[in-house]
Protein backbone atom coordinates (compact mmCIF):
# COMPACT_ATOMS: atom_id res chain seq x y z
CA MET A 1 -0.21 -0.06 -0.21
CA HIS A 2 1.21 3.29 -1.01
CA ASP A 3 0.78 6.61 1.31
CA CYS A 4 -2.02 7.82 -0.29
CA THR A 5 -2.04 10.94 2.54
CA GLU A 6 1.14 11.91 1.51
CA PHE A 7 0.40 11.98 -2.05
CA TYR A 8 -2.65 14.52 -1.54
CA ARG A 9 -0.28 16.48 1.16
CA GLU A 10 2.20 17.16 -1.09
CA ARG A 11 -0.22 17.54 -4.37
CA ASP A 12 -2.59 19.74 -2.68
CA LEU A 13 -0.34 21.77 -0.88
CA ARG A 14 0.08 24.40 -3.83
CA THR A 15 -4.26 24.42 -3.73
CA ALA A 16 -4.33 25.01 0.41
CA GLU A 17 -1.77 27.66 0.06
CA TYR A 18 -3.83 29.43 -3.01
CA ILE A 19 -6.89 29.79 -0.71
CA GLY A 20 -5.35 29.95 2.58
CA ASN A 21 -6.85 27.01 4.16
CA HIS A 22 -4.92 23.65 4.24
CA ASP A 23 -8.22 21.92 5.82
CA PHE A 24 -10.76 22.75 3.31
CA GLU A 25 -13.13 19.90 1.98
CA VAL A 26 -12.61 18.69 -1.20
CA TRP A 27 -16.40 17.91 -2.61
CA PRO A 28 -17.02 15.06 -4.94
CA ALA A 29 -17.71 15.87 -8.77
CA HIS A 30 -20.27 14.76 -11.34
CA VAL A 31 -19.74 15.21 -14.95
CA ALA A 32 -22.41 14.55 -17.68
CA ILE A 33 -22.57 14.57 -21.46
CA ASP A 34 -25.72 14.09 -23.82
CA ALA A 35 -25.06 11.76 -26.78
CA GLU A 36 -24.75 14.39 -29.65
CA ALA A 37 -22.05 16.39 -27.81
CA ALA A 38 -20.10 12.94 -26.92
CA THR A 39 -19.61 11.86 -30.42
CA GLU A 40 -18.16 15.00 -31.89
CA PRO A 41 -14.51 16.05 -31.10
CA PRO A 42 -15.98 19.74 -29.67
CA GLY A 43 -17.69 17.74 -26.93
CA GLN A 44 -14.89 15.28 -26.11
CA LEU A 45 -12.34 17.98 -25.81
CA ALA A 46 -14.48 19.70 -23.76
CA LEU A 47 -15.49 16.70 -21.27
CA LEU A 48 -11.95 15.69 -21.23
CA ALA A 49 -10.06 18.76 -20.69
CA LEU A 50 -12.74 19.26 -18.22
CA ALA A 51 -12.02 16.10 -16.50
CA ASN A 52 -8.36 16.80 -16.56
CA GLN A 53 -8.41 19.89 -14.66
CA LEU A 54 -11.14 18.35 -11.89
CA ALA A 55 -9.12 15.11 -11.31
CA ARG A 56 -6.22 17.76 -10.32
CA VAL A 57 -8.51 18.92 -7.16
CA HIS A 58 -11.56 16.48 -6.64
CA ARG A 59 -10.22 13.21 -5.53
CA HIS A 60 -13.70 11.04 -6.58
CA ILE A 61 -15.39 12.10 -9.60
CA THR A 62 -18.28 10.39 -11.65
CA PHE A 63 -19.27 10.86 -15.41
CA ASP A 64 -22.38 10.26 -16.76
CA VAL A 65 -21.61 9.53 -20.52
CA PRO A 66 -24.03 7.32 -23.23
CA THR A 67 -24.20 3.78 -22.25
CA THR A 68 -23.03 2.75 -26.24
CA PRO A 69 -19.13 2.88 -26.56
CA ILE A 70 -17.95 6.24 -28.27
CA LEU A 71 -14.62 5.92 -30.39
CA LEU A 72 -12.27 8.54 -28.81
CA ARG A 73 -12.00 11.48 -31.93
CA VAL A 74 -9.58 13.82 -30.58
CA PRO A 75 -5.90 12.99 -29.78
CA ILE A 76 -4.73 13.72 -26.46
CA ARG A 77 -2.01 11.90 -24.22
CA PHE A 78 -4.38 9.81 -22.38
CA ALA A 79 -5.97 8.05 -25.20
CA ARG A 80 -8.08 4.88 -24.99
CA PRO A 81 -9.78 3.62 -27.74
CA THR A 82 -13.49 4.38 -26.29
CA LEU A 83 -13.99 8.00 -24.88
CA ASP A 84 -15.21 5.85 -21.36
CA GLU A 85 -12.05 4.41 -21.17
CA THR A 86 -9.89 7.28 -21.69
CA LEU A 87 -11.60 9.06 -19.42
CA VAL A 88 -11.35 6.96 -16.25
CA HIS A 89 -7.59 6.15 -17.42
CA MET A 90 -6.67 9.76 -17.46
CA CYS A 91 -8.09 10.44 -14.00
CA SER A 92 -6.68 7.51 -12.62
CA ARG A 93 -3.07 8.45 -13.99
CA ILE A 94 -3.50 12.14 -13.00
CA ASP A 95 -4.15 10.92 -9.31
CA PRO A 96 -4.01 7.14 -8.77
CA CYS A 97 -5.23 7.67 -5.57
CA GLY A 98 -8.77 8.82 -6.33
CA GLU A 99 -11.89 7.00 -7.38
CA PHE A 100 -13.23 7.52 -10.90
CA ARG A 101 -16.09 5.73 -12.43
CA ILE A 102 -18.80 5.87 -14.84
CA GLY A 103 -22.08 6.22 -13.01
CA SER A 104 -24.48 8.44 -10.64
CA PRO A 105 -23.37 10.66 -8.31
CA GLN A 106 -22.20 10.16 -4.65
CA PRO A 107 -24.84 11.32 -1.93
CA GLY A 108 -24.06 14.80 -0.36
CA ARG A 109 -22.93 17.91 -2.03
CA VAL A 110 -20.94 17.59 -5.36
CA VAL A 111 -19.87 20.23 -7.94
CA SER A 112 -21.74 19.37 -10.87
CA LEU A 113 -21.59 20.37 -14.80
CA ALA A 114 -22.94 19.13 -17.57
CA LEU A 115 -22.03 19.34 -21.53
CA GLY A 116 -24.56 19.62 -24.13
CA ASN A 117 -28.56 20.72 -25.25
CA ASN A 118 -30.36 17.35 -24.06
CA VAL A 119 -28.32 16.35 -20.47
CA GLN A 120 -31.33 15.24 -18.56
CA GLY A 121 -31.26 16.38 -14.70
CA GLN A 122 -30.05 19.79 -13.07
CA TYR A 123 -26.62 20.71 -12.82
CA ASP A 124 -24.66 23.44 -11.12
CA TRP A 125 -23.16 24.73 -14.66
CA TYR A 126 -23.63 23.78 -18.21
CA LEU A 127 -20.83 23.89 -20.75
CA GLY A 128 -20.70 24.75 -24.51
CA ALA A 129 -19.01 26.16 -27.13
CA ASP A 130 -19.58 27.93 -30.69
CA GLN A 131 -16.13 28.19 -32.97
CA ALA A 132 -13.89 30.34 -30.79
CA VAL A 133 -16.54 31.21 -27.88
CA GLY A 134 -16.91 29.31 -25.26
CA TYR A 135 -20.15 29.20 -22.83
CA LEU A 136 -20.49 28.67 -19.07
CA SER A 137 -24.22 28.92 -18.53
CA ARG A 138 -26.99 28.55 -15.84
CA HIS A 139 -28.73 26.54 -18.66
CA PRO A 140 -28.03 23.93 -21.12
CA VAL A 141 -26.18 24.90 -24.41
CA GLY A 142 -24.94 23.12 -26.98
CA PHE A 143 -21.57 22.56 -29.11
CA SER A 144 -21.20 23.76 -32.94
CA SER A 145 -19.35 20.57 -34.64
CA LYS A 146 -17.50 22.96 -36.72
CA ALA A 147 -13.57 22.05 -36.11
CA GLY A 148 -12.62 25.40 -34.69
CA THR A 149 -14.87 25.23 -32.51
CA LEU A 150 -12.55 22.85 -30.66
CA ARG A 151 -10.90 26.22 -29.48
CA GLY A 152 -14.26 27.29 -27.79
CA ALA A 153 -14.72 23.89 -26.18
CA ALA A 154 -11.05 24.09 -24.37
CA LEU A 155 -11.71 27.22 -23.26
CA ALA A 156 -15.48 26.02 -21.83
CA SER A 157 -13.67 23.33 -20.07
CA CYS A 158 -11.54 26.02 -18.44
CA LEU A 159 -14.53 28.29 -17.33
CA GLY A 160 -16.23 24.81 -16.15
CA ALA A 161 -13.24 23.68 -13.72
CA ALA A 162 -13.29 27.34 -12.21
CA ALA A 163 -16.69 27.84 -11.39
CA GLY A 164 -16.61 24.44 -9.84
CA PHE A 165 -13.35 25.24 -7.55
CA ARG A 166 -14.88 28.51 -7.31
CA SER A 167 -18.43 27.30 -5.58
CA MET A 168 -16.32 24.51 -3.43
CA VAL A 169 -14.70 26.77 -1.59
CA GLY A 170 -17.63 29.67 -1.35
CA LEU A 171 -16.96 31.83 -3.62
CA GLU A 172 -19.47 33.41 -6.48
CA THR A 173 -19.38 32.73 -10.29
CA VAL A 174 -21.35 34.25 -13.04
CA PRO A 175 -22.36 33.00 -16.40
CA ARG A 176 -19.81 33.84 -19.41
CA SER A 177 -19.22 34.01 -22.96
CA VAL A 178 -15.81 34.54 -23.76
CA SER A 179 -13.58 34.13 -27.06
CA VAL A 180 -10.50 32.52 -27.26
CA TRP A 181 -9.60 34.03 -30.70
CA ASN A 182 -10.00 37.86 -29.68
CA TYR A 183 -9.91 37.21 -25.87
CA ALA A 184 -13.23 39.43 -25.57
CA GLU A 185 -16.56 38.73 -24.03
CA GLU A 186 -20.34 38.85 -24.32
CA HIS A 187 -21.00 41.31 -27.68
CA GLU A 188 -17.57 41.36 -28.20
CA ALA A 189 -16.33 38.16 -28.40
CA SER A 190 -15.37 36.72 -31.88
CA LEU A 191 -16.46 33.77 -33.54
CA GLY A 192 -13.09 33.16 -34.81
CA PRO A 193 -12.27 31.02 -37.95
CA GLU A 194 -14.29 28.13 -38.69
CA SER A 195 -11.31 25.89 -39.77
CA LEU A 196 -8.62 24.75 -37.64
CA PRO A 197 -5.56 23.87 -39.91
CA PRO A 198 -2.39 22.66 -38.13
CA LEU A 199 0.16 25.06 -36.56
CA ASP A 200 2.95 26.16 -38.01
CA VAL A 201 5.24 29.26 -37.26
CA GLY A 202 8.38 27.59 -38.10
CA ARG A 203 11.48 27.01 -35.52
CA VAL A 204 10.09 27.68 -31.86
CA LEU A 205 11.98 27.97 -28.69
CA VAL A 206 9.94 26.98 -25.91
CA VAL A 207 12.24 28.54 -22.50
CA GLY A 208 10.16 26.60 -19.54
CA ALA A 209 8.08 23.34 -19.52
CA GLY A 210 6.22 24.08 -16.28
CA ALA A 211 2.28 24.52 -15.69
CA VAL A 212 1.52 26.97 -18.39
CA ALA A 213 4.24 25.74 -20.70
CA SER A 214 2.88 21.77 -20.49
CA SER A 215 -0.74 23.22 -20.87
CA LEU A 216 0.20 24.83 -24.20
CA VAL A 217 1.76 21.40 -25.39
CA TYR A 218 -1.91 19.49 -24.36
CA TRP A 219 -3.64 22.16 -26.30
CA LEU A 220 -1.20 21.86 -29.47
CA ARG A 221 -1.58 18.30 -29.50
CA ALA A 222 -5.10 18.56 -29.93
CA PHE A 223 -5.37 21.16 -32.38
CA GLY A 224 -2.99 19.98 -34.20
CA ALA A 225 0.61 21.42 -34.84
CA ARG A 226 3.62 21.17 -37.34
CA GLY A 227 7.01 23.03 -37.32
CA GLN A 228 9.80 22.18 -35.46
CA TRP A 229 9.90 22.84 -31.33
CA THR A 230 12.92 23.19 -28.73
CA VAL A 231 12.08 23.12 -25.28
CA VAL A 232 14.78 23.95 -22.74
CA ASP A 233 14.14 23.65 -18.75
CA ARG A 234 16.25 21.78 -16.21
CA ASP A 235 13.60 21.01 -13.90
CA VAL A 236 11.91 17.78 -12.95
CA VAL A 237 8.29 16.92 -12.63
CA GLN A 238 7.25 16.66 -8.91
CA VAL A 239 4.55 16.08 -7.18
CA HIS A 240 3.51 19.30 -6.08
CA ASN A 241 3.15 20.27 -10.07
CA LEU A 242 0.13 17.79 -10.61
CA ASN A 243 -1.98 20.38 -9.15
CA ARG A 244 -1.87 22.68 -11.89
CA SER A 245 -0.68 21.32 -15.40
CA LEU A 246 -2.67 19.32 -17.99
CA LEU A 247 0.02 17.42 -19.10
CA PHE A 248 1.88 15.75 -16.21
CA VAL A 249 0.68 12.63 -14.29
CA ALA A 250 1.62 11.22 -10.79
CA SER A 251 4.10 8.68 -12.39
CA ASP A 252 5.60 11.21 -14.18
CA ALA A 253 6.70 12.75 -10.92
CA GLY A 254 8.11 9.64 -10.04
CA TRP A 255 5.58 8.54 -7.11
CA PRO A 256 5.32 5.91 -5.78
CA ASP A 257 8.70 4.77 -6.30
CA ARG A 258 10.40 5.76 -9.72
CA LYS A 259 12.23 8.53 -11.01
CA ALA A 260 11.10 11.35 -11.84
CA LYS A 261 10.97 12.70 -15.59
CA ASP A 262 12.32 15.66 -16.91
CA LYS A 263 9.80 18.46 -17.80
CA ALA A 264 11.54 19.23 -21.06
CA GLU A 265 11.81 15.67 -22.65
CA LEU A 266 7.97 14.96 -21.47
CA ALA A 267 6.91 18.33 -22.92
CA ALA A 268 9.26 17.71 -26.11
CA SER A 269 7.63 14.35 -26.49
CA TRP A 270 4.26 15.37 -27.40
CA LEU A 271 5.51 18.03 -29.95
CA PRO A 272 6.18 17.62 -33.51
CA ASN A 273 9.83 17.39 -34.02
CA GLY A 274 10.56 17.93 -30.58
CA ARG A 275 13.91 18.39 -29.13
CA PRO A 276 14.52 18.93 -25.56
CA ASP A 277 17.47 20.34 -23.37
CA ALA A 278 17.24 19.33 -19.81
CA ALA A 279 19.28 22.66 -18.76
CA TRP A 280 18.43 26.33 -17.75
CA TYR A 281 18.52 28.94 -20.59
CA HIS A 282 21.87 30.72 -19.31
CA GLN A 283 23.48 27.40 -19.59
CA SER A 284 22.00 26.25 -22.88
CA LYS A 285 23.95 25.88 -26.04
CA VAL A 286 20.82 24.94 -28.12
CA VAL A 287 19.38 28.58 -27.40
CA GLU A 288 22.45 30.10 -29.67
CA GLU A 289 20.69 28.85 -32.45
CA HIS A 290 18.26 30.87 -34.84
CA TYR A 291 14.24 30.55 -33.70
CA ASP A 292 11.50 32.39 -35.65
CA VAL A 293 9.21 32.81 -32.42
CA VAL A 294 10.37 32.45 -28.65
CA LEU A 295 8.09 31.64 -25.92
CA GLY A 296 9.29 33.20 -22.71
CA LEU A 297 7.64 30.55 -19.96
CA ALA A 298 9.99 30.46 -17.23
CA ASN A 299 11.10 33.17 -14.26
CA ASP A 300 14.32 31.96 -12.73
CA HIS A 301 17.88 32.63 -13.37
CA ASN A 302 17.28 36.44 -15.04
CA VAL A 303 15.77 34.66 -17.83
CA ARG A 304 13.59 37.27 -19.10
CA HIS A 305 16.53 39.97 -19.47
CA TYR A 306 18.60 37.01 -21.69
CA ILE A 307 15.21 36.63 -24.09
CA ALA A 308 14.74 40.26 -24.31
CA SER A 309 18.23 40.90 -25.19
CA ARG A 310 17.95 38.29 -28.34
CA ASN A 311 15.83 40.45 -30.15
CA ASN A 312 14.18 37.91 -31.73
CA THR A 313 10.94 39.69 -33.79
CA VAL A 314 8.26 37.39 -31.87
CA THR A 315 8.37 36.86 -28.77
CA LEU A 316 5.00 36.15 -26.70
CA HIS A 317 4.65 34.65 -22.98
CA ALA A 318 1.74 33.71 -20.63
CA THR A 319 1.68 33.96 -17.01
CA THR A 320 -0.66 32.75 -14.48
CA GLY A 321 -0.88 36.29 -12.26
CA ASN A 322 -2.26 37.57 -8.97
CA ASN A 323 -6.10 37.80 -8.44
CA TRP A 324 -7.35 34.61 -10.49
CA LEU A 325 -5.55 36.18 -13.77
CA SER A 326 -4.77 34.23 -16.52
CA GLN A 327 -2.20 36.62 -18.92
CA LEU A 328 -1.16 36.82 -22.55
CA HIS A 329 1.82 39.15 -23.68
CA ARG A 330 2.82 39.89 -27.22
CA HIS A 331 6.68 41.46 -27.57
CA ILE A 332 6.75 42.37 -30.77
CA ALA A 333 10.32 44.08 -31.83
CA GLY A 334 9.83 47.98 -31.81
CA VAL A 335 6.68 47.63 -31.79
CA ASP A 336 6.06 46.55 -28.24
CA ASP A 337 7.48 46.66 -24.65
CA CYS A 338 10.25 43.86 -24.64
CA ILE A 339 9.62 40.99 -21.85
CA TRP A 340 12.26 42.50 -19.59
CA CYS A 341 10.04 45.61 -19.36
CA ARG A 342 7.14 43.81 -18.90
CA ALA A 343 7.91 41.22 -16.54
CA GLY A 344 11.48 41.08 -15.94
CA GLU A 345 11.16 42.63 -12.31
CA VAL A 346 9.10 39.55 -11.51
CA GLY A 347 11.07 37.17 -8.83
CA SER A 348 9.71 35.57 -5.98
CA PRO A 349 6.01 36.89 -5.93
CA THR A 350 4.18 37.43 -2.79
CA PHE A 351 1.13 35.37 -1.49
CA GLN A 352 -1.61 37.27 -3.45
CA CYS A 353 -4.62 34.78 -4.81
CA SER A 354 -3.64 32.86 -7.85
CA THR A 355 0.44 32.85 -7.63
CA GLY A 356 2.03 32.74 -4.75
CA SER A 357 5.58 32.08 -2.92
CA VAL A 358 4.85 28.58 -1.08
CA GLU A 359 7.44 26.77 0.95
CA LEU A 360 7.47 23.17 0.32
CA PRO A 361 8.82 20.20 2.51
CA ALA A 362 11.86 19.99 1.19
CA GLY A 363 12.74 24.06 2.29
CA THR A 364 12.62 25.17 -1.87
CA LYS A 365 10.04 27.57 -3.06
CA THR A 366 7.71 27.51 -5.96
CA ASP A 367 4.70 29.45 -7.41
CA ALA A 368 1.30 28.18 -6.49
CA ALA A 369 -1.60 28.18 -9.05
CA LEU A 370 -4.55 25.98 -10.39
CA PRO A 371 -5.46 24.14 -13.23
CA PHE A 372 -7.82 25.95 -14.91
CA LEU A 373 -5.14 29.05 -14.71
CA SER A 374 -2.46 27.23 -15.88
CA ALA A 375 -4.75 26.22 -18.56
CA ALA A 376 -6.19 29.29 -19.50
CA SER A 377 -3.09 30.98 -20.03
CA GLY A 378 -1.62 27.72 -22.10
CA LEU A 379 -4.57 28.33 -24.22
CA MET A 380 -4.27 31.94 -25.06
CA LEU A 381 -0.86 31.00 -26.16
CA ALA A 382 -1.68 28.61 -28.53
CA THR A 383 -4.08 30.70 -30.37
CA ALA A 384 -1.95 33.78 -30.09
CA LEU A 385 0.48 31.65 -32.02
CA GLU A 386 -2.79 30.64 -34.51
CA ARG A 387 -3.41 34.30 -34.90
CA LEU A 388 0.33 34.92 -35.73
CA GLN A 389 0.27 32.10 -38.61
CA CYS A 390 -3.12 33.69 -40.22
CA GLY A 391 -1.48 37.49 -39.80
CA GLU A 392 -3.67 38.61 -37.13
CA LEU A 393 -1.70 38.89 -34.28
CA VAL A 394 -0.55 42.56 -35.08
CA LYS A 395 -3.87 44.10 -36.52
CA GLU A 396 -5.05 45.43 -33.28
CA ASN A 397 -3.24 48.07 -30.89
CA ARG A 398 -3.01 45.87 -27.90
CA ASN A 399 -0.52 43.39 -26.50
CA ASP A 400 -1.40 42.61 -23.40
CA TRP A 401 -4.44 40.75 -22.31
CA ARG A 402 -6.31 39.40 -19.31
CA TRP A 403 -9.10 36.91 -17.46
CA ASP A 404 -10.06 37.43 -14.54
CA PHE A 405 -11.41 34.38 -13.40
CA GLY A 406 -12.45 36.07 -9.99
CA SER A 407 -14.26 38.96 -11.73
CA THR A 408 -18.13 38.56 -11.10
CA TYR A 409 -18.51 41.69 -13.39
CA LYS A 410 -16.40 41.75 -16.31
CA MET A 411 -13.92 39.15 -16.77
CA ALA A 412 -11.73 40.14 -19.86
CA SER A 413 -9.73 42.63 -20.00
CA SER A 414 -6.80 44.28 -22.45
CA GLY A 415 -3.92 46.61 -22.91
CA PHE A 416 -0.90 48.27 -24.34
CA ARG A 417 2.69 48.66 -22.83
CA GLN A 418 5.72 50.24 -23.64
CA CYS A 419 9.49 49.69 -22.84
CA ARG A 420 10.97 52.09 -20.06
CA ASP A 421 12.40 55.01 -21.25
CA ASP A 422 16.13 53.84 -19.87
CA CYS A 423 15.38 50.38 -21.62
CA THR A 424 18.54 49.42 -23.56
CA ARG A 425 17.78 45.76 -24.87
CA ILE A 426 15.87 46.23 -28.03
CA LEU A 427 18.88 47.72 -30.69
CA ALA A 428 18.09 49.69 -33.80
CA LEU A 429 16.09 48.34 -36.40
CA GLU A 430 19.08 47.43 -38.72
CA VAL A 431 20.98 45.77 -36.19
CA ARG A 432 17.81 43.63 -35.30
CA ARG A 433 17.56 42.59 -38.88
CA ARG A 434 21.02 41.19 -39.11
CA ILE A 435 20.43 39.33 -35.62
CA ASP A 436 17.18 37.88 -36.59
CA GLY A 437 17.31 38.14 -40.58
CA ARG A 438 16.22 34.58 -41.06
CA SER A 439 13.07 35.07 -39.18
CA ARG A 440 9.79 34.40 -40.83
CA TRP A 441 8.56 37.07 -39.36
CA LEU A 442 10.95 39.38 -39.60
CA ALA A 443 8.26 41.86 -41.55
CA LEU A 444 6.82 42.44 -38.64
CA GLY A 445 8.95 44.23 -37.08
CA LYS A 446 9.67 48.02 -36.62
């Protein structure tokens, strides 16, 4: 017998610190999906991504799915031949101590969510999607069958996981309709493209393979991606990482008695032409090569200074911030501020809502977050890359987008930031053209 008490103590430490309560009650969850949504890729992705996020908090989950076996139609890491097999297998890999089954909910208080127009019974929340728009509703809502609805379905899963968690800890949530294409909500929410072509933005350097990066990999696997991807990170997966990453499972962290896996190797293994480098950025040799896009998804060792000093034309990053925030940041050289001026001063953040400096049993520190925040940030980054590919990323005078999962008023906001007056990291255009002259996206810079 393995010590599941110890497993939950370490895994849930980040969540407990987040809400300021080490003795919070974890409710069971129940998720239902109607037959139509269960047979289409958007409904399947919403269900599986929702279950993935729920299993990182809730230890008991039941699923009401059609009794006839349904073949799985979306590519994810935890795939099995049928939808119901995949659900149970995935959740059990995430939490080998939990109880996950197909059937009726447990007696007592549960978090309940339903997907599709024709679910039977009453639920706390209903999820649906149409192209890039995800819906969180008090009434049944369906899923469009268009390929582009995979985007909105992914967002719906984040909205649902957040609503369930906030209900469990006594916090209010309101219905939402939000676009993951233009990151706006309600009447400003864009449906985005109906299609979903494979993503190919060239050679991509991913700096950091933590919660946001691994969630990005999860979405790209579901959406489809090409190109060449290099992932740099020296960290290994630990049990406390399991509360906020869509990709990592207990065995990746070495639980109960194996060697922990390198984050970079795991992330790269699920990317096309993926190449890992288990090193810190400042010690890596592969970072000296040419890349079309740089994703800055690490915090330590002054890495944002080094990334800004590269003078790549396109740098993107996404984060989980204070007060229940998921954030996307664009850095086009000569157009936007650099990644250092935007976030370089962030070191070891103090505890405030969604991100906090947390003391681990071994004495090291890490940032605390929740699964839907990391999932949403990774999703924003995935669609930013799609918008880069189709020429829409630089059309608007915005370079900073935020989703506030804690707001009971407006969830989406955006703005434009500029470099500090004394910034010397971004070089003159002529010099940058020599440095980054082979970039596919060189024409975007100014």
